[in-house]
Protein backbone atom coordinates (compact mmCIF):
# COMPACT_ATOMS: atom_id res chain seq x y z
CA CYS A 1 -63.20 22.54 -24.77
CA LEU A 2 -60.52 25.03 -25.76
CA PHE A 3 -62.68 28.01 -24.83
CA CYS A 4 -65.23 26.92 -22.22
CA THR A 5 -65.69 24.31 -19.49
CA HIS A 6 -67.51 21.66 -21.56
CA THR A 7 -65.83 18.24 -21.70
CA PHE A 8 -66.00 15.64 -24.47
CA GLN A 9 -65.09 12.00 -24.97
CA SER A 10 -63.34 12.49 -28.31
CA PRO A 11 -61.41 15.26 -30.04
CA ILE A 12 -63.73 15.18 -33.08
CA VAL A 13 -66.76 16.06 -30.97
CA LEU A 14 -64.69 18.66 -29.15
CA PHE A 15 -63.55 20.34 -32.36
CA ARG A 16 -67.09 20.30 -33.76
CA HIS A 17 -68.27 22.07 -30.60
CA VAL A 18 -65.42 24.60 -30.86
CA LYS A 19 -66.41 25.38 -34.44
CA GLN A 20 -70.12 25.68 -33.77
CA ALA A 21 -70.01 27.44 -30.41
CA HIS A 22 -66.88 29.57 -30.77
CA GLY A 23 -66.38 29.92 -34.50
CA PHE A 24 -62.89 28.44 -34.62
CA ASP A 25 -62.36 25.57 -37.08
CA PHE A 26 -59.18 24.02 -35.69
CA PRO A 27 -58.96 21.08 -38.14
CA LYS A 28 -59.43 23.34 -41.13
CA THR A 29 -56.91 25.85 -39.76
CA ARG A 30 -54.34 23.13 -39.20
CA ALA A 31 -54.83 21.75 -42.69
CA SER A 32 -54.78 25.11 -44.51
CA LEU A 33 -51.68 26.36 -42.67
CA LYS A 34 -49.99 22.93 -42.76
CA LEU A 35 -49.25 23.11 -39.05
CA ASP A 36 -47.03 20.32 -37.76
CA PHE A 37 -47.46 18.54 -34.42
CA TYR A 38 -45.49 21.11 -32.43
CA GLN A 39 -47.21 24.10 -34.02
CA SER A 40 -50.60 22.51 -33.34
CA MET A 41 -49.55 21.96 -29.73
CA ARG A 42 -48.57 25.63 -29.42
CA VAL A 43 -51.97 26.74 -30.76
CA VAL A 44 -53.80 24.57 -28.22
CA ASN A 45 -51.62 25.69 -25.30
CA TYR A 46 -51.88 29.35 -26.33
CA ILE A 47 -55.69 29.20 -26.38
CA ARG A 48 -55.75 27.41 -23.03
CA THR A 49 -53.32 29.96 -21.55
CA MET A 50 -55.50 32.83 -22.73
CA GLY A 51 -58.55 31.17 -21.23
CA LEU A 52 -56.81 30.71 -17.88
CA SER A 53 -55.57 34.32 -17.77
CA ASP A 54 -58.70 36.04 -19.09
CA PRO A 55 -62.14 34.82 -17.90
CA ASN A 56 -63.81 36.67 -20.80
CA PHE A 57 -61.75 34.86 -23.41
CA GLY A 58 -64.16 31.92 -23.37
CA HIS A 59 -66.91 34.14 -24.74
CA VAL A 60 -65.12 34.95 -27.97
CA SER A 61 -66.72 34.04 -31.27
CA GLY A 62 -64.75 33.94 -34.48
CA PHE A 63 -61.26 33.23 -33.14
CA VAL A 64 -58.89 33.04 -36.14
CA VAL A 65 -55.30 31.92 -36.69
CA ASP A 66 -53.83 33.08 -40.02
CA GLY A 67 -50.24 31.85 -39.60
CA SER A 68 -48.68 35.22 -38.81
CA GLU A 69 -49.03 34.85 -35.05
CA ALA A 70 -45.77 34.70 -33.09
CA PHE A 71 -47.05 32.08 -30.67
CA ILE A 72 -47.14 29.45 -33.43
CA ASN A 73 -43.34 29.21 -33.21
CA ASP A 74 -42.86 30.31 -29.58
CA ASP A 75 -41.43 27.39 -27.59
CA GLN A 76 -42.91 28.63 -24.33
CA TYR A 77 -46.22 27.22 -25.60
CA LEU A 78 -44.77 23.73 -25.84
CA LYS A 79 -45.31 23.53 -22.09
CA PRO A 80 -48.86 22.25 -21.43
CA ALA A 81 -51.13 24.93 -19.99
CA ILE A 82 -53.17 22.16 -18.35
CA GLU A 83 -51.41 19.26 -16.68
CA ASP A 84 -51.95 15.90 -18.44
CA ASP A 85 -53.93 17.54 -21.25
CA ALA A 86 -55.28 14.52 -23.15
CA LEU A 87 -55.97 16.61 -26.24
CA LEU A 88 -52.23 17.12 -26.79
CA TYR A 89 -51.72 13.35 -26.90
CA ALA A 90 -54.34 13.06 -29.64
CA LEU A 91 -53.00 15.75 -31.98
CA ASP A 92 -50.41 13.56 -33.65
CA GLU A 93 -52.81 10.65 -34.10
CA LEU A 94 -55.66 12.51 -35.76
CA ASP A 95 -55.84 12.92 -39.50
CA LEU A 96 -57.27 16.36 -39.05
CA ASP A 97 -57.44 17.04 -42.76
CA ASP A 98 -59.96 14.24 -43.15
CA THR A 99 -61.67 15.26 -39.94
CA ALA A 100 -62.13 18.78 -41.28
CA SER A 101 -63.54 17.38 -44.50
CA VAL A 102 -65.95 15.09 -42.66
CA ALA A 103 -67.00 17.84 -40.26
CA SER A 104 -67.65 20.34 -43.06
CA SER A 105 -69.63 17.86 -45.19
CA SER A 106 -71.63 16.22 -42.44
CA ARG A 107 -75.37 16.74 -42.47
CA ALA A 108 -78.12 15.82 -40.10
CA GLY A 109 -78.93 12.71 -42.16
CA SER A 110 -75.34 11.33 -41.79
CA LEU A 111 -75.00 11.91 -38.04
CA ALA A 112 -75.05 8.18 -37.25
CA ARG A 113 -72.16 7.55 -39.64
CA SER A 114 -70.17 10.32 -37.99
CA HIS A 115 -70.74 8.83 -34.56
CA ALA A 116 -69.56 5.45 -35.80
CA MET A 117 -66.45 7.02 -37.23
CA GLU A 118 -65.78 8.79 -33.92
CA SER A 119 -66.16 5.57 -31.95
CA SER A 120 -63.71 3.82 -34.25
CA LEU A 121 -61.19 6.63 -33.88
CA VAL A 122 -61.48 6.68 -30.09
CA SER A 123 -60.87 2.92 -29.98
CA ALA A 124 -57.80 3.27 -32.16
CA MET A 125 -56.48 6.07 -29.98
CA ALA A 126 -56.85 4.06 -26.77
CA GLY A 127 -54.17 1.58 -27.80
CA SER A 128 -51.68 4.23 -28.88
CA GLU A 129 -52.19 6.75 -26.10
CA LYS A 130 -49.60 5.16 -23.84
CA ALA A 131 -47.05 5.06 -26.65
CA LYS A 132 -47.69 8.71 -27.38
CA GLU A 133 -47.32 9.59 -23.72
CA ARG A 134 -43.94 7.83 -23.60
CA GLU A 135 -42.84 9.71 -26.71
CA LEU A 136 -43.85 13.06 -25.21
CA MET A 137 -42.07 12.28 -21.96
CA ALA A 138 -38.93 11.40 -23.92
CA ARG A 139 -39.13 14.74 -25.71
CA ILE A 140 -39.56 16.56 -22.41
CA ARG A 141 -36.53 14.79 -20.93
CA THR A 142 -34.46 15.75 -23.98
CA LEU A 143 -35.47 19.39 -23.60
CA GLU A 144 -34.66 19.31 -19.89
CA GLN A 145 -31.21 17.90 -20.66
CA GLN A 146 -30.62 20.65 -23.22
CA LEU A 147 -31.67 23.30 -20.69
CA GLY A 148 -29.36 21.80 -18.09
CA LEU A 149 -26.45 21.94 -20.55
CA ARG A 150 -27.17 25.59 -21.33
CA ASP A 151 -27.34 26.43 -17.62
CA ARG A 152 -23.90 24.92 -17.17
CA GLU A 153 -22.59 26.89 -20.16
CA VAL A 154 -23.98 30.15 -18.74
CA LYS A 155 -22.38 29.40 -15.36
CA TYR A 156 -19.03 28.69 -17.04
CA VAL A 157 -19.15 31.93 -19.06
CA THR A 158 -20.09 33.91 -15.94
CA GLU A 159 -17.12 32.46 -14.04
CA GLN A 160 -14.80 33.23 -16.96
CA PHE A 161 -16.03 36.84 -17.09
CA ASP A 162 -15.47 37.26 -13.34
CA GLU A 163 -11.90 36.04 -13.79
CA TYR A 164 -11.52 38.45 -16.71
CA ARG A 165 -12.66 41.41 -14.59
CA GLN A 166 -10.12 40.58 -11.92
CA MET A 167 -7.40 40.31 -14.57
CA VAL A 168 -8.38 43.74 -15.94
CA LYS A 169 -8.12 45.31 -12.50
CA ARG A 170 -4.70 43.74 -11.90
CA GLN A 171 -3.15 44.47 -15.27
CA PHE A 172 -4.72 47.79 -16.22
CA TYR A 173 -5.74 49.79 -13.19
CA ASP A 174 -2.59 48.98 -11.21
CA SER A 175 -0.60 50.66 -13.98
CA ILE A 176 -2.58 53.91 -14.24
CA ASP A 177 -0.27 56.92 -14.51
CA ASP A 178 1.17 58.57 -11.40
CA SER A 179 -0.74 61.79 -11.92
CA ASN A 180 -4.00 59.91 -11.52
CA ALA A 181 -2.77 58.32 -8.32
CA GLU A 182 -1.69 61.71 -6.97
CA ASP A 183 -5.10 63.18 -7.78
CA HIS A 184 -6.80 60.37 -5.92
CA ARG A 185 -4.57 60.70 -2.83
CA ALA A 186 -5.28 64.43 -2.73
CA GLY A 187 -9.03 63.79 -2.96
CA ALA A 188 -8.87 61.13 -0.27
CA ALA A 189 -7.02 63.49 2.06
CA ALA A 190 -9.62 66.20 1.53
CA GLU A 191 -12.54 63.82 2.04
CA PRO A 192 -11.52 61.05 4.43
CA GLY A 193 -15.14 59.92 4.75
CA SER A 194 -15.74 59.50 1.04
CA VAL A 195 -16.58 56.17 -0.55
CA GLY A 196 -13.41 54.13 -1.04
CA GLY A 197 -11.96 50.68 -0.81
CA ASP A 198 -12.56 49.76 -4.42
CA TYR A 199 -9.58 50.53 -6.63
CA TYR A 200 -11.71 50.07 -9.74
CA PHE A 201 -13.69 53.21 -8.90
CA ASN A 202 -10.78 55.03 -7.27
CA SER A 203 -8.86 54.80 -10.53
CA TYR A 204 -11.47 57.10 -12.10
CA ALA A 205 -11.30 59.69 -9.34
CA GLY A 206 -8.51 61.82 -10.83
CA ASN A 207 -8.32 64.13 -13.82
CA GLY A 208 -5.75 62.27 -15.91
CA ILE A 209 -7.86 59.41 -17.25
CA HIS A 210 -10.79 61.73 -17.96
CA MET A 211 -8.56 64.13 -19.84
CA GLN A 212 -7.46 61.25 -22.06
CA MET A 213 -11.08 60.37 -22.80
CA LEU A 214 -12.23 63.95 -23.41
CA GLN A 215 -9.28 64.60 -25.71
CA ASP A 216 -10.30 61.60 -27.81
CA ARG A 217 -12.25 63.72 -30.28
CA VAL A 218 -13.57 60.76 -32.26
CA ARG A 219 -15.13 59.37 -29.08
CA THR A 220 -16.41 62.61 -27.56
CA GLU A 221 -17.70 64.21 -30.75
CA GLY A 222 -19.20 60.90 -31.87
CA TYR A 223 -21.42 60.84 -28.79
CA ARG A 224 -22.17 64.56 -29.13
CA ASP A 225 -23.20 64.25 -32.77
CA PHE A 226 -25.38 61.19 -32.07
CA ILE A 227 -27.23 62.93 -29.24
CA TYR A 228 -27.65 66.27 -31.03
CA ASP A 229 -28.66 64.66 -34.33
CA CYS A 230 -31.30 62.65 -32.44
CA ALA A 231 -32.58 65.58 -30.38
CA ASP A 232 -36.15 64.66 -31.31
CA VAL A 233 -35.59 61.29 -29.59
CA PHE A 234 -34.13 62.84 -26.43
CA ARG A 235 -36.56 65.75 -26.18
CA GLY A 236 -38.82 65.43 -23.14
CA LYS A 237 -37.32 62.07 -22.08
CA VAL A 238 -35.78 60.83 -18.82
CA VAL A 239 -32.15 59.84 -19.46
CA LEU A 240 -29.77 57.75 -17.31
CA ASP A 241 -26.00 58.23 -17.75
CA VAL A 242 -24.16 55.19 -16.33
CA GLY A 243 -20.59 56.00 -15.26
CA CYS A 244 -21.02 59.71 -16.00
CA GLY A 245 -17.40 60.72 -15.24
CA THR A 246 -17.11 64.48 -15.80
CA GLY A 247 -20.76 64.60 -16.88
CA ILE A 248 -20.11 65.28 -20.55
CA LEU A 249 -22.76 62.88 -21.91
CA SER A 250 -25.32 64.09 -19.35
CA MET A 251 -24.77 67.68 -20.47
CA PHE A 252 -25.12 66.67 -24.13
CA ALA A 253 -28.45 64.99 -23.33
CA ALA A 254 -29.70 68.00 -21.34
CA LYS A 255 -28.82 70.38 -24.15
CA ALA A 256 -30.60 68.08 -26.62
CA GLY A 257 -33.84 68.67 -24.70
CA ALA A 258 -34.08 65.84 -22.18
CA ALA A 259 -36.64 66.57 -19.48
CA ARG A 260 -34.46 65.02 -16.79
CA VAL A 261 -31.01 63.45 -16.73
CA ILE A 262 -29.78 61.22 -13.90
CA ALA A 263 -25.98 60.94 -13.86
CA VAL A 264 -24.50 58.07 -11.83
CA ASP A 265 -20.88 57.46 -10.86
CA ASN A 266 -19.21 55.82 -7.87
CA SER A 267 -15.93 57.73 -7.83
CA ASP A 268 -14.83 61.14 -6.55
CA ILE A 269 -15.03 62.51 -10.10
CA ILE A 270 -18.76 63.02 -9.58
CA ASP A 271 -17.92 66.10 -7.46
CA LYS A 272 -16.21 67.65 -10.47
CA ALA A 273 -19.13 66.59 -12.67
CA ARG A 274 -21.46 68.46 -10.29
CA ALA A 275 -19.32 71.58 -10.63
CA ASN A 276 -19.38 71.24 -14.43
CA VAL A 277 -23.17 70.91 -14.43
CA ILE A 278 -23.60 74.03 -12.28
CA GLU A 279 -21.08 75.97 -14.38
CA ASN A 280 -23.12 75.18 -17.51
CA GLY A 281 -26.42 76.12 -15.87
CA LEU A 282 -27.86 72.62 -16.20
CA ASP A 283 -28.36 71.79 -12.51
CA GLY A 284 -32.12 72.18 -12.98
CA VAL A 285 -32.14 69.25 -15.41
CA ILE A 286 -29.28 66.98 -14.30
CA THR A 287 -29.40 65.05 -11.00
CA LEU A 288 -26.10 63.51 -9.90
CA VAL A 289 -26.18 60.30 -7.84
CA ARG A 290 -23.15 58.64 -6.31
CA GLY A 291 -23.14 54.87 -5.93
CA LYS A 292 -23.01 51.54 -7.72
CA ILE A 293 -25.74 51.08 -10.30
CA GLU A 294 -26.19 47.51 -9.08
CA GLU A 295 -27.13 48.70 -5.57
CA LEU A 296 -28.61 52.20 -5.61
CA GLU A 297 -32.20 53.30 -6.17
CA LEU A 298 -32.91 56.06 -8.66
CA PRO A 299 -35.30 58.97 -7.94
CA VAL A 300 -37.51 57.59 -10.75
CA PRO A 301 -38.79 54.03 -11.28
CA GLN A 302 -37.85 53.88 -14.97
CA VAL A 303 -35.94 55.83 -17.60
CA ASP A 304 -36.56 56.23 -21.32
CA ILE A 305 -32.93 56.28 -22.48
CA ILE A 306 -29.64 54.95 -21.09
CA VAL A 307 -26.35 56.39 -22.39
CA SER A 308 -22.93 55.21 -21.31
CA GLU A 309 -19.36 55.28 -22.57
CA TRP A 310 -18.36 51.86 -21.30
CA MET A 311 -15.97 50.76 -24.05
CA GLY A 312 -12.31 50.23 -23.21
CA TYR A 313 -9.25 48.88 -24.98
CA PHE A 314 -10.27 45.97 -27.18
CA LEU A 315 -13.89 47.01 -26.50
CA LEU A 316 -14.30 45.19 -23.16
CA PHE A 317 -11.16 46.17 -21.26
CA GLU A 318 -12.85 48.56 -18.84
CA ALA A 319 -14.99 45.68 -17.51
CA MET A 320 -18.03 47.97 -17.32
CA LEU A 321 -20.42 46.32 -19.74
CA ASP A 322 -22.06 44.16 -17.09
CA SER A 323 -22.97 47.26 -15.05
CA VAL A 324 -24.65 48.81 -18.10
CA LEU A 325 -26.64 45.62 -18.63
CA VAL A 326 -27.73 45.67 -14.99
CA ALA A 327 -28.90 49.26 -15.45
CA ARG A 328 -30.83 48.20 -18.54
CA ASP A 329 -32.53 45.31 -16.78
CA ARG A 330 -33.36 47.34 -13.65
CA PHE A 331 -34.39 50.72 -15.00
CA LEU A 332 -34.97 50.88 -18.77
CA ALA A 333 -38.66 51.19 -19.63
CA PRO A 334 -40.16 48.76 -22.17
CA GLY A 335 -39.36 50.05 -25.65
CA GLY A 336 -36.64 52.31 -24.24
CA LEU A 337 -33.32 53.11 -25.93
CA LEU A 338 -29.90 51.81 -24.86
CA ALA A 339 -27.09 53.77 -26.55
CA PRO A 340 -24.93 52.24 -27.77
CA SER A 341 -26.79 48.96 -28.11
CA ALA A 342 -24.44 47.07 -30.47
CA SER A 343 -20.67 46.90 -30.86
CA TYR A 344 -18.26 45.01 -33.09
CA VAL A 345 -14.64 43.91 -32.85
CA TYR A 346 -12.68 43.59 -36.10
CA LEU A 347 -9.30 41.84 -36.32
CA THR A 348 -6.78 42.03 -39.12
CA ALA A 349 -3.16 41.09 -39.63
CA ILE A 350 -0.67 43.96 -40.09
CA SER A 351 3.01 44.43 -40.80
CA ASP A 352 4.91 47.08 -38.80
CA ALA A 353 8.55 47.17 -39.84
CA ALA A 354 9.48 49.89 -37.34
CA TYR A 355 7.99 47.96 -34.43
CA MET A 356 9.73 44.75 -35.49
CA ARG A 357 13.05 46.61 -35.85
CA ASP A 358 12.81 48.36 -32.48
CA GLN A 359 11.21 45.66 -30.35
CA VAL A 360 12.16 42.30 -31.89
CA ASN A 361 15.11 42.56 -34.26
CA TYR A 362 16.89 44.83 -31.77
CA TRP A 363 18.02 41.74 -29.90
CA ASP A 364 19.71 40.29 -33.00
CA ASP A 365 22.48 42.88 -32.78
């Protein structure tokens, strides 16, 4: 049975029991919703899964499927909840429309005819069960092959992204302006025991790169306006700022009414962020944590909102997106907000006569 521990020799008897004892007319439901083989399999596996996870589920009466349920098209329910579930093999063989009609019109006086019909159906199923089993196994093998292909694709993309991050560090951070390098050397001399050894984070230790970002008014005021305009969303929430830099986004969130803001950065700039927070009187709201988001533990188990300015040249050139996604997966509460949560890259062809004259045509003379 789909709901209880009773066992039956044929699916017709089983479905009659399910209808009478539990109020769920599976054949009629399948016919009225025009469920195909896979959708029918998902319904069966969903009910069995619920029964295995909730002992009280077997006592329900009046279980209904109206076609709006997500599990009808959720492929996780293609996996049998019960190993070698014989009922799944029978779904594609049964003319459940006729079965529903027979079951609904049967009366006590025609019970013998129903039993004869069941016996005939069981005999017909016996010869085709092996064929159906082979077909199902072939489908399973196909799905396994598809999953294996996708695993290889994910591994390839991951390797490509790792190579991309290394390229970013070589081509971009090695060419950061001299003032940034001087700032970092001064900080390292003052704090010889500070966290170091990773040029990616060291490149953010000085003032120069942060001045460039703060002076980008479109960027800075865009974040400010978003946070202030959505103050009702931030009010009373716990906010995580990934890669906080000078702490500007953390201070926006605190002023918008966040109950607590946790600002994380792994470079020396966090010391200046701490000074900024104290100067603005927000040290009672903002907690600054130094470390890598992939490794550290926050003072809270979950946060309601994650903000981060991770975009670089051509969107991805700061190679920080993966850290934000780690923060999301580790700390963002269900239903929480990741801001920003979507980005787009637009490409267009242009003509720049001055650039062509100065950089290309110059060599013609």
